[in-house]
Amino acid sequence: MIAHLSGELASTGDRWVVIDIGGVGYQVQVTEPTLQDLVATEGRVMVHTYMVVRDDDIQLYGFSHPRERELFTILIGVTGIGPQTAMNILSRISFEDFAIAILSDDEKVLTRIPGIGPKSAKRLILELKDKMKKCAATLPGGRSRAEACDAVSALVSLGFSEREAEEAVNAVIADLPAPTVQDLIRASLTRLRERP
C-alpha cells in the first residue's frame, strides 16, 4: 500500500491532483479542503494516501492530514458507502461537524451532503454510533461524565485511539464552563489537530 506521496504538484483538476515524483506523475483523488491546501503550498507537497484496488482500476485517495485518511477508512467500512461517497462527505462537512451530527442523530445535516439520502444518513449514524458507545473516560473535577464519555466515544469513532481521545477531552474539559458534548468534541479535535 502507498501510505503517502511527496513531490511537486504537476497539475490539478476538479478534486484531483497529479504529483510528480522523480519524473512519474501520480494522479490522486483529493477532497476540496485538501485541494485548497495543496494549491496554496509552494514547493514540495505531501499527501497521506489510501489505495483502492479493484479488478479494473487502481485509485489513490489523498488527504492533508492522517486523521482525514482514518475517517475515510471508517466511512468506507459503513455499508453502502464507497470511496467516492466518503470523499464527498469529507469535502462537504468539517471533521467536527460530522462528529457532532453522528453523535446527535442529526440526519438533516448529513442529508444536506450530495449523495447522502435519508437511508444512508440513518446507516451512518447507526453504524458509527455503535463505535461511540465504548467509553471509559475518567474525568477530573467532577464534571459531567456523560458528556465527556460521549465526546471520547465520538473521537474514537473518528479513528483516534481511546487513550488519545481521553487525554484530549481531559485536557480541554477544565477550560470549558459547563461544556456540551459538541463543545468538548470541537475543542478536543482542535487540540488533536495542533499536535505535531
Foldseek 3Di string as FASTA:
>chain_A
DQFKDKACFDDDDDQWTWGADPNDTDIEREAPVQVVVNVPDPGMDMWGWDWDDDPVDIHIYTDRDVLLVLQLVLQCVQPPGHNVNSSQQPNPDPPLVVLVCLLVVPLVVVCVRPPQDSVNSVSCSVVLVVQLQDFDADEPDPADPVLLSSLLSSVVSSPDDSVLSNVLLNVCVVVDDNDGSSRSNVSSVVVVVPDD
